[in-house]
Amino acid sequence: MRLRPEVQWFAEQMEKRLGVNDHKGGWDHCDDDYLFIRLQEETEELRDYLFIRPYLTLECPDCHHRQVAENNTDDIDELIAEAADVANFAMMIADVHNRSRAEISDKKGPVGAEAESPNVEGQP
């Protein structure tokens, strides 16, 4: 599958954020409650960058003149990082359940395996 350039770029942003947190040890031991709470927290942080932070005011320490903070490239970088964090927690939830689906499939065995199991003596 060929990824769209935008998806490839965003996946790279996600990987950067994961790399920053490699010291935390991964997510395969995390349960749904924890991952969902973290997804909500990261979503709130992204919301703040989108809707609250642009309207924060700065006050000049000398004259106390107030002005609306201007977005700059650092703000955009932080917004992108927050969006990647949201996506990473959604990915973690999907990954944990995808692994669980694979484990269930492994336990069931191949389709039709029940029909091929040997009969116990005295049973049809």
PDB file of N, CA and C in Angstrom:
ATOM      1  N   MET A   1       0.842  -1.169   0.000  1.00  0.00           N
ATOM      2  CA  MET A   1       0.000   0.000   0.000  1.00  0.00           C
ATOM      3  C   MET A   1       0.892   1.239   0.000  1.00  0.00           C
ATOM      4  N   ARG A   2       0.585   2.126  -0.878  1.00  0.00           N
ATOM      5  CA  ARG A   2       1.320   3.382  -0.958  1.00  0.00           C
ATOM      6  C   ARG A   2       0.578   4.409  -0.117  1.00  0.00           C
ATOM      7  N   LEU A   3       1.289   5.061   0.796  1.00  0.00           N
ATOM      8  CA  LEU A   3       0.660   6.057   1.662  1.00  0.00           C
ATOM      9  C   LEU A   3       0.621   7.417   0.970  1.00  0.00           C
ATOM     10  N   ARG A   4      -0.432   8.138   1.208  1.00  0.00           N
ATOM     11  CA  ARG A   4      -0.511   9.513   0.730  1.00  0.00           C
ATOM     12  C   ARG A   4       0.603  10.309   1.400  1.00  0.00           C
ATOM     13  N   PRO A   5       1.150  11.309   0.728  1.00  0.00           N
ATOM     14  CA  PRO A   5       2.234  12.105   1.334  1.00  0.00           C
ATOM     15  C   PRO A   5       1.849  12.698   2.691  1.00  0.00           C
ATOM     16  N   GLU A   6       0.604  13.138   2.842  1.00  0.00           N
ATOM     17  CA  GLU A   6       0.165  13.727   4.114  1.00  0.00           C
ATOM     18  C   GLU A   6       0.141  12.682   5.225  1.00  0.00           C
ATOM     19  N   VAL A   7      -0.272  11.475   4.883  1.00  0.00           N
ATOM     20  CA  VAL A   7      -0.319  10.392   5.875  1.00  0.00           C
ATOM     21  C   VAL A   7       1.101   9.989   6.253  1.00  0.00           C
ATOM     22  N   GLN A   8       1.986   9.892   5.282  1.00  0.00           N
ATOM     23  CA  GLN A   8       3.388   9.550   5.543  1.00  0.00           C
ATOM     24  C   GLN A   8       4.030  10.594   6.461  1.00  0.00           C
ATOM     25  N   TRP A   9       3.803  11.873   6.143  1.00  0.00           N
ATOM     26  CA  TRP A   9       4.363  12.952   6.962  1.00  0.00           C
ATOM     27  C   TRP A   9       3.836  12.865   8.395  1.00  0.00           C
ATOM     28  N   PHE A  10       2.518  12.651   8.541  1.00  0.00           N
ATOM     29  CA  PHE A  10       1.941  12.605   9.878  1.00  0.00           C
ATOM     30  C   PHE A  10       2.408  11.371  10.642  1.00  0.00           C
ATOM     31  N   ALA A  11       2.555  10.248   9.952  1.00  0.00           N
ATOM     32  CA  ALA A  11       3.091   9.042  10.597  1.00  0.00           C
ATOM     33  C   ALA A  11       4.501   9.306  11.120  1.00  0.00           C
ATOM     34  N   GLU A  12       5.264  10.078  10.386  1.00  0.00           N
ATOM     35  CA  GLU A  12       6.615  10.435  10.845  1.00  0.00           C
ATOM     36  C   GLU A  12       6.546  11.320  12.089  1.00  0.00           C
ATOM     37  N   GLN A  13       5.556  12.217  12.149  1.00  0.00           N
ATOM     38  CA  GLN A  13       5.373  13.056  13.346  1.00  0.00           C
ATOM     39  C   GLN A  13       5.007  12.181  14.543  1.00  0.00           C
ATOM     40  N   MET A  14       4.155  11.198  14.302  1.00  0.00           N
ATOM     41  CA  MET A  14       3.768  10.268  15.358  1.00  0.00           C
ATOM     42  C   MET A  14       4.982   9.507  15.869  1.00  0.00           C
ATOM     43  N   GLU A  15       5.801   9.028  14.960  1.00  0.00           N
ATOM     44  CA  GLU A  15       6.996   8.267  15.346  1.00  0.00           C
ATOM     45  C   GLU A  15       7.960   9.129  16.152  1.00  0.00           C
ATOM     46  N   LYS A  16       8.098  10.393  15.770  1.00  0.00           N
ATOM     47  CA  LYS A  16       8.962  11.309  16.545  1.00  0.00           C
ATOM     48  C   LYS A  16       8.481  11.390  17.992  1.00  0.00           C
ATOM     49  N   ARG A  17       7.165  11.551  18.160  1.00  0.00           N
ATOM     50  CA  ARG A  17       6.607  11.658  19.510  1.00  0.00           C
ATOM     51  C   ARG A  17       6.778  10.353  20.289  1.00  0.00           C
ATOM     52  N   LEU A  18       6.600   9.229  19.618  1.00  0.00           N
ATOM     53  CA  LEU A  18       6.831   7.941  20.283  1.00  0.00           C
ATOM     54  C   LEU A  18       8.283   7.822  20.716  1.00  0.00           C
ATOM     55  N   GLY A  19       9.198   8.258  19.858  1.00  0.00           N
ATOM     56  CA  GLY A  19      10.623   8.184  20.177  1.00  0.00           C
ATOM     57  C   GLY A  19      10.992   8.992  21.403  1.00  0.00           C
ATOM     58  N   VAL A  20      10.369  10.158  21.568  1.00  0.00           N
ATOM     59  CA  VAL A  20      10.614  11.002  22.738  1.00  0.00           C
ATOM     60  C   VAL A  20      10.235  10.261  24.021  1.00  0.00           C
ATOM     61  N   ASN A  21       9.258   9.366  23.915  1.00  0.00           N
ATOM     62  CA  ASN A  21       8.744   8.660  25.094  1.00  0.00           C
ATOM     63  C   ASN A  21       9.173   7.195  25.177  1.00  0.00           C
ATOM     64  N   ASP A  22      10.164   6.800  24.390  1.00  0.00           N
ATOM     65  CA  ASP A  22      10.630   5.407  24.410  1.00  0.00           C
ATOM     66  C   ASP A  22      11.020   4.928  25.811  1.00  0.00           C
ATOM     67  N   HIS A  23      11.510   5.831  26.634  1.00  0.00           N
ATOM     68  CA  HIS A  23      11.957   5.459  27.983  1.00  0.00           C
ATOM     69  C   HIS A  23      10.803   4.959  28.865  1.00  0.00           C
ATOM     70  N   LYS A  24       9.562   5.192  28.444  1.00  0.00           N
ATOM     71  CA  LYS A  24       8.403   4.778  29.240  1.00  0.00           C
ATOM     72  C   LYS A  24       8.045   3.309  29.050  1.00  0.00           C
ATOM     73  N   GLY A  25       8.610   2.658  28.045  1.00  0.00           N
ATOM     74  CA  GLY A  25       8.473   1.214  27.934  1.00  0.00           C
ATOM     75  C   GLY A  25       7.333   0.665  27.096  1.00  0.00           C
ATOM     76  N   GLY A  26       6.673   1.461  26.314  1.00  0.00           N
ATOM     77  CA  GLY A  26       5.642   0.908  25.434  1.00  0.00           C
ATOM     78  C   GLY A  26       4.266   0.908  26.067  1.00  0.00           C
ATOM     79  N   TRP A  27       3.322   0.326  25.339  1.00  0.00           N
ATOM     80  CA  TRP A  27       1.921   0.372  25.745  1.00  0.00           C
ATOM     81  C   TRP A  27       1.263  -0.996  25.804  1.00  0.00           C
ATOM     82  N   ASP A  28       1.976  -2.054  25.509  1.00  0.00           N
ATOM     83  CA  ASP A  28       1.334  -3.370  25.470  1.00  0.00           C
ATOM     84  C   ASP A  28       0.833  -3.828  26.833  1.00  0.00           C
ATOM     85  N   HIS A  29       1.309  -3.212  27.903  1.00  0.00           N
ATOM     86  CA  HIS A  29       0.864  -3.561  29.250  1.00  0.00           C
ATOM     87  C   HIS A  29      -0.273  -2.655  29.739  1.00  0.00           C
ATOM     88  N   CYS A  30      -0.687  -1.680  28.921  1.00  0.00           N
ATOM     89  CA  CYS A  30      -1.705  -0.710  29.330  1.00  0.00           C
ATOM     90  C   CYS A  30      -3.110  -1.237  29.045  1.00  0.00           C
ATOM     91  N   ASP A  31      -4.035  -0.920  29.953  1.00  0.00           N
ATOM     92  CA  ASP A  31      -5.415  -1.344  29.723  1.00  0.00           C
ATOM     93  C   ASP A  31      -6.208  -0.229  29.028  1.00  0.00           C
ATOM     94  N   ASP A  32      -7.418  -0.581  28.594  1.00  0.00           N
ATOM     95  CA  ASP A  32      -8.263   0.363  27.854  1.00  0.00           C
ATOM     96  C   ASP A  32      -8.539   1.634  28.649  1.00  0.00           C
ATOM     97  N   ASP A  33      -8.818   1.481  29.939  1.00  0.00           N
ATOM     98  CA  ASP A  33      -9.143   2.652  30.756  1.00  0.00           C
ATOM     99  C   ASP A  33      -8.016   3.674  30.721  1.00  0.00           C
ATOM    100  N   TYR A  34      -6.794   3.205  30.977  1.00  0.00           N
ATOM    101  CA  TYR A  34      -5.649   4.118  30.991  1.00  0.00           C
ATOM    102  C   TYR A  34      -5.455   4.770  29.633  1.00  0.00           C
ATOM    103  N   LEU A  35      -5.462   3.971  28.576  1.00  0.00           N
ATOM    104  CA  LEU A  35      -5.214   4.519  27.241  1.00  0.00           C
ATOM    105  C   LEU A  35      -6.304   5.504  26.836  1.00  0.00           C
ATOM    106  N   PHE A  36      -7.553   5.216  27.178  1.00  0.00           N
ATOM    107  CA  PHE A  36      -8.639   6.117  26.801  1.00  0.00           C
ATOM    108  C   PHE A  36      -8.568   7.423  27.588  1.00  0.00           C
ATOM    109  N   ILE A  37      -8.246   7.340  28.867  1.00  0.00           N
ATOM    110  CA  ILE A  37      -8.088   8.557  29.672  1.00  0.00           C
ATOM    111  C   ILE A  37      -6.971   9.416  29.092  1.00  0.00           C
ATOM    112  N   ARG A  38      -5.853   8.784  28.733  1.00  0.00           N
ATOM    113  CA  ARG A  38      -4.735   9.539  28.148  1.00  0.00           C
ATOM    114  C   ARG A  38      -5.129  10.136  26.790  1.00  0.00           C
ATOM    115  N   LEU A  39      -5.919   9.409  26.006  1.00  0.00           N
ATOM    116  CA  LEU A  39      -6.411   9.943  24.741  1.00  0.00           C
ATOM    117  C   LEU A  39      -7.252  11.199  24.995  1.00  0.00           C
ATOM    118  N   GLN A  40      -8.115  11.143  25.994  1.00  0.00           N
ATOM    119  CA  GLN A  40      -8.936  12.312  26.325  1.00  0.00           C
ATOM    120  C   GLN A  40      -8.072  13.484  26.783  1.00  0.00           C
ATOM    121  N   GLU A  41      -7.067  13.205  27.622  1.00  0.00           N
ATOM    122  CA  GLU A  41      -6.185  14.276  28.101  1.00  0.00           C
ATOM    123  C   GLU A  41      -5.448  14.931  26.939  1.00  0.00           C
ATOM    124  N   GLU A  42      -4.933  14.121  26.042  1.00  0.00           N
ATOM    125  CA  GLU A  42      -4.206  14.669  24.895  1.00  0.00           C
ATOM    126  C   GLU A  42      -5.153  15.429  23.971  1.00  0.00           C
ATOM    127  N   THR A  43      -6.396  14.965  23.843  1.00  0.00           N
ATOM    128  CA  THR A  43      -7.383  15.672  23.028  1.00  0.00           C
ATOM    129  C   THR A  43      -7.679  17.046  23.630  1.00  0.00           C
ATOM    130  N   GLU A  44      -7.755  17.116  24.952  1.00  0.00           N
ATOM    131  CA  GLU A  44      -7.978  18.400  25.620  1.00  0.00           C
ATOM    132  C   GLU A  44      -6.801  19.342  25.390  1.00  0.00           C
ATOM    133  N   GLU A  45      -5.576  18.806  25.430  1.00  0.00           N
ATOM    134  CA  GLU A  45      -4.398  19.641  25.169  1.00  0.00           C
ATOM    135  C   GLU A  45      -4.420  20.169  23.731  1.00  0.00           C
ATOM    136  N   LEU A  46      -4.809  19.329  22.782  1.00  0.00           N
ATOM    137  CA  LEU A  46      -4.918  19.767  21.391  1.00  0.00           C
ATOM    138  C   LEU A  46      -5.998  20.846  21.270  1.00  0.00           C
ATOM    139  N   ARG A  47      -7.121  20.635  21.923  1.00  0.00           N
ATOM    140  CA  ARG A  47      -8.193  21.638  21.918  1.00  0.00           C
ATOM    141  C   ARG A  47      -7.685  22.978  22.430  1.00  0.00           C
ATOM    142  N   ASP A  48      -6.900  22.943  23.512  1.00  0.00           N
ATOM    143  CA  ASP A  48      -6.351  24.185  24.062  1.00  0.00           C
ATOM    144  C   ASP A  48      -5.469  24.895  23.040  1.00  0.00           C
ATOM    145  N   TYR A  49      -4.639  24.132  22.330  1.00  0.00           N
ATOM    146  CA  TYR A  49      -3.777  24.747  21.312  1.00  0.00           C
ATOM    147  C   TYR A  49      -4.597  25.326  20.171  1.00  0.00           C
ATOM    148  N   LEU A  50      -5.697  24.697  19.835  1.00  0.00           N
ATOM    149  CA  LEU A  50      -6.512  25.178  18.714  1.00  0.00           C
ATOM    150  C   LEU A  50      -7.402  26.357  19.088  1.00  0.00           C
ATOM    151  N   PHE A  51      -8.021  26.297  20.271  1.00  0.00           N
ATOM    152  CA  PHE A  51      -9.085  27.243  20.565  1.00  0.00           C
ATOM    153  C   PHE A  51      -8.834  28.191  21.731  1.00  0.00           C
ATOM    154  N   ILE A  52      -7.911  27.866  22.610  1.00  0.00           N
ATOM    155  CA  ILE A  52      -7.684  28.726  23.776  1.00  0.00           C
ATOM    156  C   ILE A  52      -6.388  29.508  23.635  1.00  0.00           C
ATOM    157  N   ARG A  53      -5.317  28.811  23.334  1.00  0.00           N
ATOM    158  CA  ARG A  53      -4.018  29.471  23.267  1.00  0.00           C
ATOM    159  C   ARG A  53      -3.962  30.649  22.292  1.00  0.00           C
ATOM    160  N   PRO A  54      -4.586  30.569  21.106  1.00  0.00           N
ATOM    161  CA  PRO A  54      -4.498  31.724  20.201  1.00  0.00           C
ATOM    162  C   PRO A  54      -5.092  33.004  20.784  1.00  0.00           C
ATOM    163  N   TYR A  55      -5.948  32.864  21.802  1.00  0.00           N
ATOM    164  CA  TYR A  55      -6.605  34.040  22.358  1.00  0.00           C
ATOM    165  C   TYR A  55      -5.998  34.505  23.681  1.00  0.00           C
ATOM    166  N   LEU A  56      -4.934  33.845  24.105  1.00  0.00           N
ATOM    167  CA  LEU A  56      -4.263  34.287  25.321  1.00  0.00           C
ATOM    168  C   LEU A  56      -3.633  35.649  25.068  1.00  0.00           C
ATOM    169  N   THR A  57      -3.582  36.437  26.094  1.00  0.00           N
ATOM    170  CA  THR A  57      -2.973  37.758  25.935  1.00  0.00           C
ATOM    171  C   THR A  57      -1.641  37.803  26.657  1.00  0.00           C
ATOM    172  N   LEU A  58      -0.777  38.621  26.145  1.00  0.00           N
ATOM    173  CA  LEU A  58       0.518  38.851  26.764  1.00  0.00           C
ATOM    174  C   LEU A  58       0.504  40.245  27.368  1.00  0.00           C
ATOM    175  N   GLU A  59       1.150  40.378  28.499  1.00  0.00           N
ATOM    176  CA  GLU A  59       1.211  41.686  29.136  1.00  0.00           C
ATOM    177  C   GLU A  59       2.666  42.124  29.177  1.00  0.00           C
ATOM    178  N   CYS A  60       2.901  43.340  28.713  1.00  0.00           N
ATOM    179  CA  CYS A  60       4.251  43.891  28.744  1.00  0.00           C
ATOM    180  C   CYS A  60       4.612  44.189  30.195  1.00  0.00           C
ATOM    181  N   PRO A  61       5.754  43.676  30.680  1.00  0.00           N
ATOM    182  CA  PRO A  61       6.101  43.897  32.091  1.00  0.00           C
ATOM    183  C   PRO A  61       6.388  45.364  32.414  1.00  0.00           C
ATOM    184  N   ASP A  62       6.752  46.141  31.390  1.00  0.00           N
ATOM    185  CA  ASP A  62       7.084  47.549  31.643  1.00  0.00           C
ATOM    186  C   ASP A  62       5.856  48.449  31.644  1.00  0.00           C
ATOM    187  N   CYS A  63       5.049  48.346  30.593  1.00  0.00           N
ATOM    188  CA  CYS A  63       3.925  49.283  30.458  1.00  0.00           C
ATOM    189  C   CYS A  63       2.569  48.631  30.728  1.00  0.00           C
ATOM    190  N   HIS A  64       2.563  47.330  30.952  1.00  0.00           N
ATOM    191  CA  HIS A  64       1.345  46.568  31.215  1.00  0.00           C
ATOM    192  C   HIS A  64       0.349  46.620  30.057  1.00  0.00           C
ATOM    193  N   HIS A  65       0.834  46.955  28.884  1.00  0.00           N
ATOM    194  CA  HIS A  65      -0.003  46.924  27.680  1.00  0.00           C
ATOM    195  C   HIS A  65      -0.278  45.463  27.362  1.00  0.00           C
ATOM    196  N   ARG A  66      -1.526  45.154  27.037  1.00  0.00           N
ATOM    197  CA  ARG A  66      -1.899  43.768  26.747  1.00  0.00           C
ATOM    198  C   ARG A  66      -2.107  43.616  25.247  1.00  0.00           C
ATOM    199  N   GLN A  67      -1.633  42.512  24.717  1.00  0.00           N
ATOM    200  CA  GLN A  67      -1.852  42.222  23.307  1.00  0.00           C
ATOM    201  C   GLN A  67      -2.096  40.732  23.132  1.00  0.00           C
ATOM    202  N   VAL A  68      -2.818  40.403  22.091  1.00  0.00           N
ATOM    203  CA  VAL A  68      -3.093  39.004  21.798  1.00  0.00           C
ATOM    204  C   VAL A  68      -1.803  38.344  21.348  1.00  0.00           C
ATOM    205  N   ALA A  69      -1.531  37.165  21.897  1.00  0.00           N
ATOM    206  CA  ALA A  69      -0.319  36.437  21.517  1.00  0.00           C
ATOM    207  C   ALA A  69      -0.417  36.037  20.051  1.00  0.00           C
ATOM    208  N   GLU A  70       0.653  36.204  19.330  1.00  0.00           N
ATOM    209  CA  GLU A  70       0.670  35.810  17.924  1.00  0.00           C
ATOM    210  C   GLU A  70       1.182  34.387  17.798  1.00  0.00           C
ATOM    211  N   ASN A  71       0.589  33.657  16.874  1.00  0.00           N
ATOM    212  CA  ASN A  71       1.104  32.322  16.588  1.00  0.00           C
ATOM    213  C   ASN A  71       2.468  32.447  15.944  1.00  0.00           C
ATOM    214  N   ASN A  72       3.339  31.535  16.276  1.00  0.00           N
ATOM    215  CA  ASN A  72       4.635  31.487  15.625  1.00  0.00           C
ATOM    216  C   ASN A  72       4.945  30.032  15.314  1.00  0.00           C
ATOM    217  N   THR A  73       6.066  29.784  14.708  1.00  0.00           N
ATOM    218  CA  THR A  73       6.362  28.413  14.296  1.00  0.00           C
ATOM    219  C   THR A  73       6.490  27.475  15.489  1.00  0.00           C
ATOM    220  N   ASP A  74       6.920  27.962  16.646  1.00  0.00           N
ATOM    221  CA  ASP A  74       6.987  27.097  17.831  1.00  0.00           C
ATOM    222  C   ASP A  74       5.589  26.626  18.226  1.00  0.00           C
ATOM    223  N   ASP A  75       4.606  27.531  18.146  1.00  0.00           N
ATOM    224  CA  ASP A  75       3.233  27.160  18.466  1.00  0.00           C
ATOM    225  C   ASP A  75       2.720  26.109  17.481  1.00  0.00           C
ATOM    226  N   ILE A  76       3.032  26.286  16.219  1.00  0.00           N
ATOM    227  CA  ILE A  76       2.588  25.330  15.204  1.00  0.00           C
ATOM    228  C   ILE A  76       3.244  23.980  15.450  1.00  0.00           C
ATOM    229  N   ASP A  77       4.531  23.973  15.792  1.00  0.00           N
ATOM    230  CA  ASP A  77       5.218  22.714  16.099  1.00  0.00           C
ATOM    231  C   ASP A  77       4.571  22.019  17.295  1.00  0.00           C
ATOM    232  N   GLU A  78       4.209  22.788  18.311  1.00  0.00           N
ATOM    233  CA  GLU A  78       3.559  22.213  19.493  1.00  0.00           C
ATOM    234  C   GLU A  78       2.176  21.671  19.152  1.00  0.00           C
ATOM    235  N   LEU A  79       1.444  22.395  18.331  1.00  0.00           N
ATOM    236  CA  LEU A  79       0.126  21.933  17.906  1.00  0.00           C
ATOM    237  C   LEU A  79       0.246  20.610  17.146  1.00  0.00           C
ATOM    238  N   ILE A  80       1.213  20.520  16.255  1.00  0.00           N
ATOM    239  CA  ILE A  80       1.434  19.277  15.497  1.00  0.00           C
ATOM    240  C   ILE A  80       1.813  18.147  16.451  1.00  0.00           C
ATOM    241  N   ALA A  81       2.653  18.440  17.436  1.00  0.00           N
ATOM    242  CA  ALA A  81       3.050  17.418  18.416  1.00  0.00           C
ATOM    243  C   ALA A  81       1.837  16.932  19.202  1.00  0.00           C
ATOM    244  N   GLU A  82       0.949  17.851  19.581  1.00  0.00           N
ATOM    245  CA  GLU A  82      -0.258  17.454  20.314  1.00  0.00           C
ATOM    246  C   GLU A  82      -1.164  16.597  19.439  1.00  0.00           C
ATOM    247  N   ALA A  83      -1.303  16.962  18.176  1.00  0.00           N
ATOM    248  CA  ALA A  83      -2.120  16.155  17.264  1.00  0.00           C
ATOM    249  C   ALA A  83      -1.528  14.754  17.120  1.00  0.00           C
ATOM    250  N   ALA A  84      -0.206  14.664  17.058  1.00  0.00           N
ATOM    251  CA  ALA A  84       0.451  13.356  16.965  1.00  0.00           C
ATOM    252  C   ALA A  84       0.245  12.556  18.244  1.00  0.00           C
ATOM    253  N   ASP A  85       0.260  13.213  19.394  1.00  0.00           N
ATOM    254  CA  ASP A  85       0.002  12.515  20.657  1.00  0.00           C
ATOM    255  C   ASP A  85      -1.404  11.917  20.673  1.00  0.00           C
ATOM    256  N   VAL A  86      -2.389  12.689  20.213  1.00  0.00           N
ATOM    257  CA  VAL A  86      -3.764  12.183  20.139  1.00  0.00           C
ATOM    258  C   VAL A  86      -3.802  10.946  19.244  1.00  0.00           C
ATOM    259  N   ALA A  87      -3.200  11.065  18.075  1.00  0.00           N
ATOM    260  CA  ALA A  87      -3.193   9.946  17.126  1.00  0.00           C
ATOM    261  C   ALA A  87      -2.465   8.739  17.707  1.00  0.00           C
ATOM    262  N   ASN A  88      -1.387   8.969  18.443  1.00  0.00           N
ATOM    263  CA  ASN A  88      -0.638   7.852  19.024  1.00  0.00           C
ATOM    264  C   ASN A  88      -1.470   7.088  20.043  1.00  0.00           C
ATOM    265  N   PHE A  89      -2.222   7.790  20.879  1.00  0.00           N
ATOM    266  CA  PHE A  89      -3.038   7.059  21.853  1.00  0.00           C
ATOM    267  C   PHE A  89      -4.174   6.305  21.171  1.00  0.00           C
ATOM    268  N   ALA A  90      -4.746   6.875  20.122  1.00  0.00           N
ATOM    269  CA  ALA A  90      -5.760   6.134  19.354  1.00  0.00           C
ATOM    270  C   ALA A  90      -5.124   4.907  18.712  1.00  0.00           C
ATOM    271  N   MET A  91      -3.910   5.055  18.196  1.00  0.00           N
ATOM    272  CA  MET A  91      -3.191   3.927  17.588  1.00  0.00           C
ATOM    273  C   MET A  91      -2.897   2.855  18.633  1.00  0.00           C
ATOM    274  N   MET A  92      -2.509   3.271  19.836  1.00  0.00           N
ATOM    275  CA  MET A  92      -2.198   2.305  20.894  1.00  0.00           C
ATOM    276  C   MET A  92      -3.423   1.460  21.232  1.00  0.00           C
ATOM    277  N   ILE A  93      -4.590   2.112  21.330  1.00  0.00           N
ATOM    278  CA  ILE A  93      -5.824   1.370  21.607  1.00  0.00           C
ATOM    279  C   ILE A  93      -6.075   0.357  20.497  1.00  0.00           C
ATOM    280  N   ALA A  94      -5.952   0.798  19.259  1.00  0.00           N
ATOM    281  CA  ALA A  94      -6.172  -0.105  18.123  1.00  0.00           C
ATOM    282  C   ALA A  94      -5.143  -1.232  18.127  1.00  0.00           C
ATOM    283  N   ASP A  95      -3.902  -0.920  18.435  1.00  0.00           N
ATOM    284  CA  ASP A  95      -2.843  -1.932  18.430  1.00  0.00           C
ATOM    285  C   ASP A  95      -3.085  -3.001  19.485  1.00  0.00           C
ATOM    286  N   VAL A  96      -3.453  -2.578  20.694  1.00  0.00           N
ATOM    287  CA  VAL A  96      -3.721  -3.545  21.767  1.00  0.00           C
ATOM    288  C   VAL A  96      -4.842  -4.493  21.352  1.00  0.00           C
ATOM    289  N   HIS A  97      -5.895  -3.949  20.745  1.00  0.00           N
ATOM    290  CA  HIS A  97      -7.018  -4.805  20.333  1.00  0.00           C
ATOM    291  C   HIS A  97      -6.682  -5.646  19.111  1.00  0.00           C
ATOM    292  N   ASN A  98      -5.844  -5.135  18.238  1.00  0.00           N
ATOM    293  CA  ASN A  98      -5.404  -5.937  17.096  1.00  0.00           C
ATOM    294  C   ASN A  98      -4.575  -7.124  17.577  1.00  0.00           C
ATOM    295  N   ARG A  99      -3.711  -6.904  18.565  1.00  0.00           N
ATOM    296  CA  ARG A  99      -2.924  -8.010  19.134  1.00  0.00           C
ATOM    297  C   ARG A  99      -3.840  -9.020  19.805  1.00  0.00           C
ATOM    298  N   SER A 100      -4.854  -8.518  20.514  1.00  0.00           N
ATOM    299  CA  SER A 100      -5.774  -9.419  21.198  1.00  0.00           C
ATOM    300  C   SER A 100      -6.550 -10.248  20.184  1.00  0.00           C
ATOM    301  N   ARG A 101      -6.925  -9.650  19.060  1.00  0.00           N
ATOM    302  CA  ARG A 101      -7.606 -10.400  17.998  1.00  0.00           C
ATOM    303  C   ARG A 101      -6.695 -11.501  17.469  1.00  0.00           C
ATOM    304  N   ALA A 102      -5.420 -11.206  17.284  1.00  0.00           N
ATOM    305  CA  ALA A 102      -4.467 -12.211  16.805  1.00  0.00           C
ATOM    306  C   ALA A 102      -4.319 -13.344  17.824  1.00  0.00           C
ATOM    307  N   GLU A 103      -4.297 -12.998  19.119  1.00  0.00           N
ATOM    308  CA  GLU A 103      -4.181 -14.031  20.157  1.00  0.00           C
ATOM    309  C   GLU A 103      -5.419 -14.923  20.171  1.00  0.00           C
ATOM    310  N   ILE A 104      -6.593 -14.339  19.991  1.00  0.00           N
ATOM    311  CA  ILE A 104      -7.831 -15.126  19.949  1.00  0.00           C
ATOM    312  C   ILE A 104      -7.793 -16.073  18.760  1.00  0.00           C
ATOM    313  N   SER A 105      -7.371 -15.578  17.612  1.00  0.00           N
ATOM    314  CA  SER A 105      -7.281 -16.414  16.412  1.00  0.00           C
ATOM    315  C   SER A 105      -6.294 -17.555  16.613  1.00  0.00           C
ATOM    316  N   ASP A 106      -5.159 -17.271  17.267  1.00  0.00           N
ATOM    317  CA  ASP A 106      -4.164 -18.315  17.522  1.00  0.00           C
ATOM    318  C   ASP A 106      -4.725 -19.403  18.428  1.00  0.00           C
ATOM    319  N   LYS A 107      -5.528 -19.009  19.425  1.00  0.00           N
ATOM    320  CA  LYS A 107      -6.098 -19.992  20.357  1.00  0.00           C
ATOM    321  C   LYS A 107      -7.143 -20.859  19.678  1.00  0.00           C
ATOM    322  N   LYS A 108      -7.916 -20.264  18.769  1.00  0.00           N
ATOM    323  CA  LYS A 108      -8.938 -21.030  18.065  1.00  0.00           C
ATOM    324  C   LYS A 108      -8.335 -21.979  17.053  1.00  0.00           C
ATOM    325  N   GLY A 109      -7.182 -21.644  16.558  1.00  0.00           N
ATOM    326  CA  GLY A 109      -6.560 -22.466  15.524  1.00  0.00           C
ATOM    327  C   GLY A 109      -7.160 -22.146  14.177  1.00  0.00           C
ATOM    328  N   PRO A 110      -6.701 -22.849  13.162  1.00  0.00           N
ATOM    329  CA  PRO A 110      -7.220 -22.573  11.823  1.00  0.00           C
ATOM    330  C   PRO A 110      -8.697 -22.926  11.721  1.00  0.00           C
ATOM    331  N   VAL A 111      -9.390 -22.255  10.827  1.00  0.00           N
ATOM    332  CA  VAL A 111     -10.807 -22.506  10.610  1.00  0.00           C
ATOM    333  C   VAL A 111     -10.996 -23.969  10.243  1.00  0.00           C
ATOM    334  N   GLY A 112     -11.955 -24.608  10.888  1.00  0.00           N
ATOM    335  CA  GLY A 112     -12.218 -26.014  10.614  1.00  0.00           C
ATOM    336  C   GLY A 112     -11.359 -26.960  11.424  1.00  0.00           C
ATOM    337  N   ALA A 113     -10.532 -26.440  12.327  1.00  0.00           N
ATOM    338  CA  ALA A 113      -9.637 -27.295  13.113  1.00  0.00           C
ATOM    339  C   ALA A 113     -10.425 -28.225  14.033  1.00  0.00           C
ATOM    340  N   GLU A 114     -11.609 -27.741  14.494  1.00  0.00           N
ATOM    341  CA  GLU A 114     -12.406 -28.581  15.390  1.00  0.00           C
ATOM    342  C   GLU A 114     -12.825 -29.866  14.682  1.00  0.00           C
ATOM    343  N   ALA A 115     -13.144 -29.778  13.403  1.00  0.00           N
ATOM    344  CA  ALA A 115     -13.609 -30.953  12.648  1.00  0.00           C
ATOM    345  C   ALA A 115     -12.498 -31.964  12.460  1.00  0.00           C
ATOM    346  N   GLU A 116     -11.242 -31.492  12.516  1.00  0.00           N
ATOM    347  CA  GLU A 116     -10.118 -32.379  12.277  1.00  0.00           C
ATOM    348  C   GLU A 116      -9.555 -32.973  13.563  1.00  0.00           C
ATOM    349  N   SER A 117     -10.088 -32.584  14.734  1.00  0.00           N
ATOM    350  CA  SER A 117      -9.513 -33.087  15.981  1.00  0.00           C
ATOM    351  C   SER A 117      -9.825 -34.573  16.112  1.00  0.00           C
ATOM    352  N   PRO A 118      -8.893 -35.313  16.689  1.00  0.00           N
ATOM    353  CA  PRO A 118      -9.089 -36.760  16.805  1.00  0.00           C
ATOM    354  C   PRO A 118     -10.222 -37.093  17.748  1.00  0.00           C
ATOM    355  N   ASN A 119     -10.953 -38.160  17.442  1.00  0.00           N
ATOM    356  CA  ASN A 119     -12.046 -38.606  18.305  1.00  0.00           C
ATOM    357  C   ASN A 119     -11.475 -39.312  19.515  1.00  0.00           C
ATOM    358  N   VAL A 120     -12.135 -39.059  20.650  1.00  0.00           N
ATOM    359  CA  VAL A 120     -11.779 -39.774  21.858  1.00  0.00           C
ATOM    360  C   VAL A 120     -12.481 -41.116  21.773  1.00  0.00           C
ATOM    361  N   GLU A 121     -11.778 -42.174  22.189  1.00  0.00           N
ATOM    362  CA  GLU A 121     -12.339 -43.540  22.059  1.00  0.00           C
ATOM    363  C   GLU A 121     -13.703 -43.602  22.712  1.00  0.00           C
ATOM    364  N   GLY A 122     -14.648 -44.169  21.989  1.00  0.00           N
ATOM    365  CA  GLY A 122     -15.984 -44.361  22.494  1.00  0.00           C
ATOM    366  C   GLY A 122     -16.909 -43.200  22.166  1.00  0.00           C
ATOM    367  N   GLN A 123     -16.382 -42.129  21.540  1.00  0.00           N
ATOM    368  CA  GLN A 123     -17.236 -41.011  21.159  1.00  0.00           C
ATOM    369  C   GLN A 123     -17.274 -40.893  19.654  1.00  0.00           C
ATOM    370  N   PRO A 124     -18.409 -40.454  19.101  1.00  0.00           N
ATOM    371  CA  PRO A 124     -18.529 -40.350  17.647  1.00  0.00           C
ATOM    372  C   PRO A 124     -17.607 -39.315  17.051  1.00  0.00           C
TER     373      PRO A 124
END
